[in-house]
Amino acid sequence: MLYIIDLILLIPIVVLGLYSQIRINTAVAKYSKIQSCSDFNGESIARRVLDSNNLYHIRVEQGNGFLSDQYNKKKKSVVLSRLVFDQKTIAAITIATRQCSCAVQDSENRFMYKVREMIIIIARIVSILMWGFVVLGIFINPKFYHLAVLSLVMSFIIKLIIFSEEVKVNAWTLNVLRNIEVFSSEYDCAKNLLNALKYISLAELLGNYSNIIRLFYVDKDKAQGKFNKSGV
């Protein structure tokens, strides 16, 4: 029974995961080839967005990796990947603008940004605990599966909150691009790219959901096996 449930849950999640990866890679590749008419590159538009919010002290730096763009709160810098930093493409200006939103929220001490940071830390801790409970459930006591399921439920709720915040960040990014000499055709392209980025978070949410159901059936099968062994 467990293997059938595994297949039922695994196939759509794998398909969605592949679709999400293809969607984001295709969107980034597509809009990385379309030059922006605004004459901004990733570094210059990030600088403009930061300066327009009086964030002159925050640096814009070049990093490594693919789509590794991030705001470094400790160093007070927006780090842009090579694909973004010096390119004048729609993908570059969209991703660079999106990363600046974190710096702006941090500078304004926005409550939800601080909550989001705390939530991300909690999500990492919960993820570690969940796998620890799974191992304990396998080798020590099946009752630990209850805690594993609880951890996954918490992780699902946390990622749902993060996903909702990602949607707000996308809206903020589009609003900024609308006001910074970005033509309507480029705005539509940026919107399509940001919509593609949301699929990653959506796939993570569904992955968590499938794991919750899977652990529930593992726990149920363990309990049923114990019940049968007791001869009742």
C-alpha atoms as a PDB file:
ATOM      1  CA  MET A   1       0.000   0.000   0.000  1.00  0.00           C
ATOM      2  CA  LEU A   2       2.830   2.386   0.928  1.00  0.00           C
ATOM      3  CA  TYR A   3       4.573   1.888  -2.430  1.00  0.00           C
ATOM      4  CA  ILE A   4       1.368   2.700  -4.335  1.00  0.00           C
ATOM      5  CA  ILE A   5       0.938   5.872  -2.282  1.00  0.00           C
ATOM      6  CA  ASP A   6       4.599   6.717  -2.978  1.00  0.00           C
ATOM      7  CA  LEU A   7       4.042   6.445  -6.729  1.00  0.00           C
ATOM      8  CA  ILE A   8       0.802   8.415  -6.651  1.00  0.00           C
ATOM      9  CA  LEU A   9       2.485  11.226  -4.725  1.00  0.00           C
ATOM     10  CA  LEU A  10       5.907  11.072  -6.346  1.00  0.00           C
ATOM     11  CA  ILE A  11       4.953  11.196 -10.031  1.00  0.00           C
ATOM     12  CA  PRO A  12       3.075  14.542 -10.015  1.00  0.00           C
ATOM     13  CA  ILE A  13       5.691  16.131  -7.748  1.00  0.00           C
ATOM     14  CA  VAL A  14       8.550  15.007 -10.017  1.00  0.00           C
ATOM     15  CA  VAL A  15       6.652  16.202 -13.083  1.00  0.00           C
ATOM     16  CA  LEU A  16       5.917  19.564 -11.447  1.00  0.00           C
ATOM     17  CA  GLY A  17       9.526  19.871 -10.306  1.00  0.00           C
ATOM     18  CA  LEU A  18      10.814  19.247 -13.815  1.00  0.00           C
ATOM     19  CA  TYR A  19       8.230  21.613 -15.269  1.00  0.00           C
ATOM     20  CA  SER A  20       9.213  24.327 -12.759  1.00  0.00           C
ATOM     21  CA  GLN A  21      12.906  23.927 -13.546  1.00  0.00           C
ATOM     22  CA  ILE A  22      12.266  24.014 -17.287  1.00  0.00           C
ATOM     23  CA  ARG A  23       9.964  27.022 -16.902  1.00  0.00           C
ATOM     24  CA  ILE A  24      12.472  29.076 -14.918  1.00  0.00           C
ATOM     25  CA  ASN A  25      15.482  28.077 -17.064  1.00  0.00           C
ATOM     26  CA  THR A  26      13.553  28.816 -20.258  1.00  0.00           C
ATOM     27  CA  ALA A  27      12.357  32.200 -18.972  1.00  0.00           C
ATOM     28  CA  VAL A  28      15.816  33.250 -17.771  1.00  0.00           C
ATOM     29  CA  ALA A  29      17.449  32.083 -21.019  1.00  0.00           C
ATOM     30  CA  LYS A  30      14.821  33.872 -23.104  1.00  0.00           C
ATOM     31  CA  TYR A  31      14.943  37.216 -21.329  1.00  0.00           C
ATOM     32  CA  SER A  32      18.727  37.081 -20.970  1.00  0.00           C
ATOM     33  CA  LYS A  33      18.897  37.420 -24.758  1.00  0.00           C
ATOM     34  CA  ILE A  34      16.543  40.408 -24.988  1.00  0.00           C
ATOM     35  CA  GLN A  35      18.346  43.712 -24.547  1.00  0.00           C
ATOM     36  CA  SER A  36      16.662  46.450 -22.526  1.00  0.00           C
ATOM     37  CA  CYS A  37      15.910  49.732 -24.302  1.00  0.00           C
ATOM     38  CA  SER A  38      16.389  51.594 -21.007  1.00  0.00           C
ATOM     39  CA  ASP A  39      20.209  51.265 -21.236  1.00  0.00           C
ATOM     40  CA  PHE A  40      20.431  49.929 -17.667  1.00  0.00           C
ATOM     41  CA  ASN A  41      22.505  46.922 -16.710  1.00  0.00           C
ATOM     42  CA  GLY A  42      22.019  44.969 -13.504  1.00  0.00           C
ATOM     43  CA  GLU A  43      24.553  46.977 -11.528  1.00  0.00           C
ATOM     44  CA  SER A  44      23.340  50.413 -12.667  1.00  0.00           C
ATOM     45  CA  ILE A  45      19.636  49.777 -12.054  1.00  0.00           C
ATOM     46  CA  ALA A  46      20.403  48.302  -8.632  1.00  0.00           C
ATOM     47  CA  ARG A  47      22.427  51.417  -7.830  1.00  0.00           C
ATOM     48  CA  ARG A  48      19.599  53.661  -8.998  1.00  0.00           C
ATOM     49  CA  VAL A  49      16.951  51.815  -6.980  1.00  0.00           C
ATOM     50  CA  LEU A  50      19.117  51.933  -3.850  1.00  0.00           C
ATOM     51  CA  ASP A  51      20.036  55.600  -4.277  1.00  0.00           C
ATOM     52  CA  SER A  52      16.399  56.568  -4.887  1.00  0.00           C
ATOM     53  CA  ASN A  53      15.675  55.093  -1.453  1.00  0.00           C
ATOM     54  CA  ASN A  54      18.649  56.923   0.150  1.00  0.00           C
ATOM     55  CA  LEU A  55      20.626  53.689   0.494  1.00  0.00           C
ATOM     56  CA  TYR A  56      23.926  55.146  -0.692  1.00  0.00           C
ATOM     57  CA  HIS A  57      25.866  53.076   1.848  1.00  0.00           C
ATOM     58  CA  ILE A  58      24.785  49.743   0.381  1.00  0.00           C
ATOM     59  CA  ARG A  59      27.253  48.378  -2.175  1.00  0.00           C
ATOM     60  CA  VAL A  60      26.429  46.546  -5.383  1.00  0.00           C
ATOM     61  CA  GLU A  61      28.910  43.704  -5.922  1.00  0.00           C
ATOM     62  CA  GLN A  62      29.460  40.943  -8.446  1.00  0.00           C
ATOM     63  CA  GLY A  63      29.208  37.362  -7.238  1.00  0.00           C
ATOM     64  CA  ASN A  64      29.537  33.912  -8.727  1.00  0.00           C
ATOM     65  CA  GLY A  65      27.093  31.176  -9.598  1.00  0.00           C
ATOM     66  CA  PHE A  66      23.859  30.953 -11.550  1.00  0.00           C
ATOM     67  CA  LEU A  67      20.919  32.920 -10.121  1.00  0.00           C
ATOM     68  CA  SER A  68      22.846  33.319  -6.865  1.00  0.00           C
ATOM     69  CA  ASP A  69      21.744  36.951  -6.506  1.00  0.00           C
ATOM     70  CA  GLN A  70      21.056  38.026  -2.929  1.00  0.00           C
ATOM     71  CA  TYR A  71      21.055  40.831  -0.399  1.00  0.00           C
ATOM     72  CA  ASN A  72      23.775  40.378   2.225  1.00  0.00           C
ATOM     73  CA  LYS A  73      22.446  42.042   5.363  1.00  0.00           C
ATOM     74  CA  LYS A  74      25.676  41.721   7.351  1.00  0.00           C
ATOM     75  CA  LYS A  75      27.893  43.253   4.663  1.00  0.00           C
ATOM     76  CA  LYS A  76      25.180  45.672   3.537  1.00  0.00           C
ATOM     77  CA  SER A  77      25.573  44.755  -0.104  1.00  0.00           C
ATOM     78  CA  VAL A  78      23.471  43.521  -3.003  1.00  0.00           C
ATOM     79  CA  VAL A  79      25.370  40.676  -4.657  1.00  0.00           C
ATOM     80  CA  LEU A  80      24.540  40.042  -8.311  1.00  0.00           C
ATOM     81  CA  SER A  81      25.581  37.020 -10.353  1.00  0.00           C
ATOM     82  CA  ARG A  82      27.613  37.351 -13.551  1.00  0.00           C
ATOM     83  CA  LEU A  83      24.450  36.817 -15.572  1.00  0.00           C
ATOM     84  CA  VAL A  84      22.982  39.950 -14.000  1.00  0.00           C
ATOM     85  CA  PHE A  85      25.746  42.339 -12.899  1.00  0.00           C
ATOM     86  CA  ASP A  86      26.997  43.852 -16.174  1.00  0.00           C
ATOM     87  CA  GLN A  87      24.306  42.727 -18.602  1.00  0.00           C
ATOM     88  CA  LYS A  88      21.751  45.100 -20.163  1.00  0.00           C
ATOM     89  CA  THR A  89      19.043  42.500 -20.546  1.00  0.00           C
ATOM     90  CA  ILE A  90      15.487  42.332 -19.261  1.00  0.00           C
ATOM     91  CA  ALA A  91      16.426  39.380 -17.037  1.00  0.00           C
ATOM     92  CA  ALA A  92      19.318  41.371 -15.539  1.00  0.00           C
ATOM     93  CA  ILE A  93      17.341  44.497 -14.663  1.00  0.00           C
ATOM     94  CA  THR A  94      14.395  42.486 -13.344  1.00  0.00           C
ATOM     95  CA  ILE A  95      16.454  40.227 -11.069  1.00  0.00           C
ATOM     96  CA  ALA A  96      18.644  43.118  -9.856  1.00  0.00           C
ATOM     97  CA  THR A  97      15.590  45.233  -8.998  1.00  0.00           C
ATOM     98  CA  ARG A  98      13.996  42.309  -7.187  1.00  0.00           C
ATOM     99  CA  GLN A  99      17.050  41.830  -4.954  1.00  0.00           C
ATOM    100  CA  CYS A 100      17.030  45.506  -3.998  1.00  0.00           C
ATOM    101  CA  SER A 101      13.602  45.060  -2.408  1.00  0.00           C
ATOM    102  CA  CYS A 102      15.209  43.197   0.515  1.00  0.00           C
ATOM    103  CA  ALA A 103      17.651  46.050   1.110  1.00  0.00           C
ATOM    104  CA  VAL A 104      14.825  48.613   1.014  1.00  0.00           C
ATOM    105  CA  GLN A 105      12.682  46.614   3.449  1.00  0.00           C
ATOM    106  CA  ASP A 106      15.659  46.120   5.763  1.00  0.00           C
ATOM    107  CA  SER A 107      16.412  49.848   5.809  1.00  0.00           C
ATOM    108  CA  GLU A 108      12.797  50.677   6.604  1.00  0.00           C
ATOM    109  CA  ASN A 109      12.753  48.105   9.422  1.00  0.00           C
ATOM    110  CA  ARG A 110       9.655  46.580   7.936  1.00  0.00           C
ATOM    111  CA  PHE A 111       8.070  44.123  10.319  1.00  0.00           C
ATOM    112  CA  MET A 112       7.325  41.464   7.686  1.00  0.00           C
ATOM    113  CA  TYR A 113      10.935  41.478   6.431  1.00  0.00           C
ATOM    114  CA  LYS A 114      12.199  40.744   9.933  1.00  0.00           C
ATOM    115  CA  VAL A 115       9.509  38.096  10.346  1.00  0.00           C
ATOM    116  CA  ARG A 116      10.519  36.566   6.991  1.00  0.00           C
ATOM    117  CA  GLU A 117      14.172  36.397   8.089  1.00  0.00           C
ATOM    118  CA  MET A 118      13.176  34.706  11.324  1.00  0.00           C
ATOM    119  CA  ILE A 119      10.880  32.315   9.461  1.00  0.00           C
ATOM    120  CA  ILE A 120      13.686  31.256   7.101  1.00  0.00           C
ATOM    121  CA  ILE A 121      15.926  30.420  10.082  1.00  0.00           C
ATOM    122  CA  ILE A 122      13.106  28.475  11.733  1.00  0.00           C
ATOM    123  CA  ALA A 123      12.455  26.607   8.466  1.00  0.00           C
ATOM    124  CA  ARG A 124      16.076  25.422   8.356  1.00  0.00           C
ATOM    125  CA  ILE A 125      15.932  24.242  11.972  1.00  0.00           C
ATOM    126  CA  VAL A 126      12.599  22.484  11.417  1.00  0.00           C
ATOM    127  CA  SER A 127      13.972  20.743   8.313  1.00  0.00           C
ATOM    128  CA  ILE A 128      16.950  19.382  10.278  1.00  0.00           C
ATOM    129  CA  LEU A 129      14.679  18.242  13.127  1.00  0.00           C
ATOM    130  CA  MET A 130      12.299  16.553  10.686  1.00  0.00           C
ATOM    131  CA  TRP A 131      15.019  14.316   9.207  1.00  0.00           C
ATOM    132  CA  GLY A 132      16.326  13.615  12.703  1.00  0.00           C
ATOM    133  CA  PHE A 133      12.876  12.424  13.771  1.00  0.00           C
ATOM    134  CA  VAL A 134      12.640  10.241  10.637  1.00  0.00           C
ATOM    135  CA  VAL A 135      15.939   8.518  11.508  1.00  0.00           C
ATOM    136  CA  LEU A 136      14.819   8.033  15.113  1.00  0.00           C
ATOM    137  CA  GLY A 137      11.517   6.642  13.851  1.00  0.00           C
ATOM    138  CA  ILE A 138      13.335   4.069  11.694  1.00  0.00           C
ATOM    139  CA  PHE A 139      15.903   2.879  14.217  1.00  0.00           C
ATOM    140  CA  ILE A 140      14.452   3.576  17.660  1.00  0.00           C
ATOM    141  CA  ASN A 141      10.711   4.128  17.937  1.00  0.00           C
ATOM    142  CA  PRO A 142       8.027   4.607  15.249  1.00  0.00           C
ATOM    143  CA  LYS A 143       6.368   7.199  17.487  1.00  0.00           C
ATOM    144  CA  PHE A 144       9.032   9.666  16.381  1.00  0.00           C
ATOM    145  CA  TYR A 145       7.217   9.718  13.027  1.00  0.00           C
ATOM    146  CA  HIS A 146       4.513  11.770  14.764  1.00  0.00           C
ATOM    147  CA  LEU A 147       7.091  14.467  15.457  1.00  0.00           C
ATOM    148  CA  ALA A 148       8.411  14.205  11.889  1.00  0.00           C
ATOM    149  CA  VAL A 149       4.913  14.783  10.500  1.00  0.00           C
ATOM    150  CA  LEU A 150       4.426  17.724  12.889  1.00  0.00           C
ATOM    151  CA  SER A 151       7.748  19.213  11.733  1.00  0.00           C
ATOM    152  CA  LEU A 152       6.704  18.875   8.095  1.00  0.00           C
ATOM    153  CA  VAL A 153       3.372  20.549   8.766  1.00  0.00           C
ATOM    154  CA  MET A 154       5.217  23.442  10.412  1.00  0.00           C
ATOM    155  CA  SER A 155       7.608  23.617   7.460  1.00  0.00           C
ATOM    156  CA  PHE A 156       4.676  23.662   5.028  1.00  0.00           C
ATOM    157  CA  ILE A 157       3.040  26.576   6.874  1.00  0.00           C
ATOM    158  CA  ILE A 158       6.359  28.443   6.980  1.00  0.00           C
ATOM    159  CA  LYS A 159       6.955  28.018   3.246  1.00  0.00           C
ATOM    160  CA  LEU A 160       3.388  29.100   2.550  1.00  0.00           C
ATOM    161  CA  ILE A 161       4.100  32.354   4.400  1.00  0.00           C
ATOM    162  CA  ILE A 162       7.375  32.793   2.499  1.00  0.00           C
ATOM    163  CA  PHE A 163       5.569  32.147  -0.789  1.00  0.00           C
ATOM    164  CA  SER A 164       3.010  34.856  -0.017  1.00  0.00           C
ATOM    165  CA  GLU A 165       5.848  37.281   0.735  1.00  0.00           C
ATOM    166  CA  GLU A 166       7.555  36.376  -2.548  1.00  0.00           C
ATOM    167  CA  VAL A 167       4.375  37.400  -4.368  1.00  0.00           C
ATOM    168  CA  LYS A 168       4.515  40.798  -2.627  1.00  0.00           C
ATOM    169  CA  VAL A 169       8.185  41.229  -3.566  1.00  0.00           C
ATOM    170  CA  ASN A 170       7.314  40.561  -7.207  1.00  0.00           C
ATOM    171  CA  ALA A 171       4.589  43.217  -7.062  1.00  0.00           C
ATOM    172  CA  TRP A 172       7.065  45.694  -5.540  1.00  0.00           C
ATOM    173  CA  THR A 173       9.590  44.927  -8.302  1.00  0.00           C
ATOM    174  CA  LEU A 174       7.043  45.525 -11.053  1.00  0.00           C
ATOM    175  CA  ASN A 175       5.988  48.799  -9.462  1.00  0.00           C
ATOM    176  CA  VAL A 176       9.606  50.016  -9.416  1.00  0.00           C
ATOM    177  CA  LEU A 177      10.187  48.992 -13.025  1.00  0.00           C
ATOM    178  CA  ARG A 178       7.006  50.787 -14.046  1.00  0.00           C
ATOM    179  CA  ASN A 179       8.437  54.036 -12.644  1.00  0.00           C
ATOM    180  CA  ILE A 180      12.013  53.746 -13.971  1.00  0.00           C
ATOM    181  CA  GLU A 181      11.969  54.401 -17.704  1.00  0.00           C
ATOM    182  CA  VAL A 182      10.990  50.824 -18.557  1.00  0.00           C
ATOM    183  CA  PHE A 183       8.871  50.504 -21.681  1.00  0.00           C
ATOM    184  CA  SER A 184       5.550  48.674 -21.546  1.00  0.00           C
ATOM    185  CA  SER A 185       6.856  45.764 -23.654  1.00  0.00           C
ATOM    186  CA  GLU A 186       9.763  45.261 -21.241  1.00  0.00           C
ATOM    187  CA  TYR A 187       7.420  45.532 -18.283  1.00  0.00           C
ATOM    188  CA  ASP A 188       5.349  42.639 -19.661  1.00  0.00           C
ATOM    189  CA  CYS A 189       8.510  40.561 -20.148  1.00  0.00           C
ATOM    190  CA  ALA A 190       9.622  41.289 -16.575  1.00  0.00           C
ATOM    191  CA  LYS A 191       6.205  40.235 -15.322  1.00  0.00           C
ATOM    192  CA  ASN A 192       6.473  36.923 -17.203  1.00  0.00           C
ATOM    193  CA  LEU A 193       9.921  36.280 -15.731  1.00  0.00           C
ATOM    194  CA  LEU A 194       8.754  36.984 -12.179  1.00  0.00           C
ATOM    195  CA  ASN A 195       5.766  34.688 -12.678  1.00  0.00           C
ATOM    196  CA  ALA A 196       8.154  31.922 -13.724  1.00  0.00           C
ATOM    197  CA  LEU A 197      10.234  32.436 -10.570  1.00  0.00           C
ATOM    198  CA  LYS A 198       7.166  31.694  -8.425  1.00  0.00           C
ATOM    199  CA  TYR A 199       7.063  28.105  -9.702  1.00  0.00           C
ATOM    200  CA  ILE A 200      10.120  27.216  -7.622  1.00  0.00           C
ATOM    201  CA  SER A 201       8.358  28.136  -4.368  1.00  0.00           C
ATOM    202  CA  LEU A 202       5.186  26.398  -5.531  1.00  0.00           C
ATOM    203  CA  ALA A 203       7.079  23.167  -6.246  1.00  0.00           C
ATOM    204  CA  GLU A 204       8.635  23.308  -2.760  1.00  0.00           C
ATOM    205  CA  LEU A 205       5.203  23.718  -1.205  1.00  0.00           C
ATOM    206  CA  LEU A 206       3.778  20.712  -3.041  1.00  0.00           C
ATOM    207  CA  GLY A 207       6.890  18.705  -2.210  1.00  0.00           C
ATOM    208  CA  ASN A 208       6.316  19.392   1.479  1.00  0.00           C
ATOM    209  CA  TYR A 209       2.659  18.456   1.146  1.00  0.00           C
ATOM    210  CA  SER A 210       3.499  15.095  -0.444  1.00  0.00           C
ATOM    211  CA  ASN A 211       6.046  14.359   2.292  1.00  0.00           C
ATOM    212  CA  ILE A 212       3.432  15.071   4.977  1.00  0.00           C
ATOM    213  CA  ILE A 213       1.051  12.524   3.429  1.00  0.00           C
ATOM    214  CA  ARG A 214       3.865  10.007   2.876  1.00  0.00           C
ATOM    215  CA  LEU A 215       5.062  10.186   6.487  1.00  0.00           C
ATOM    216  CA  PHE A 216       1.462   9.887   7.626  1.00  0.00           C
ATOM    217  CA  TYR A 217       1.143   6.565   5.772  1.00  0.00           C
ATOM    218  CA  VAL A 218       4.549   5.403   7.043  1.00  0.00           C
ATOM    219  CA  ASP A 219       3.403   6.136  10.583  1.00  0.00           C
ATOM    220  CA  LYS A 220       0.076   4.385   9.937  1.00  0.00           C
ATOM    221  CA  ASP A 221       1.749   1.284   8.482  1.00  0.00           C
ATOM    222  CA  LYS A 222       4.174   1.098  11.423  1.00  0.00           C
ATOM    223  CA  ALA A 223       1.288   1.326  13.877  1.00  0.00           C
ATOM    224  CA  GLN A 224      -0.683  -1.307  11.961  1.00  0.00           C
ATOM    225  CA  GLY A 225       2.326  -3.642  11.937  1.00  0.00           C
ATOM    226  CA  LYS A 226       2.751  -3.263  15.664  1.00  0.00           C
ATOM    227  CA  PHE A 227      -0.945  -3.930  16.144  1.00  0.00           C
ATOM    228  CA  ASN A 228      -0.762  -7.146  14.047  1.00  0.00           C
ATOM    229  CA  LYS A 229       2.312  -8.398  15.929  1.00  0.00           C
ATOM    230  CA  SER A 230       0.511  -8.018  19.231  1.00  0.00           C
ATOM    231  CA  GLY A 231      -1.978 -10.610  17.972  1.00  0.00           C
ATOM    232  CA  VAL A 232      -4.988  -8.500  18.888  1.00  0.00           C
END
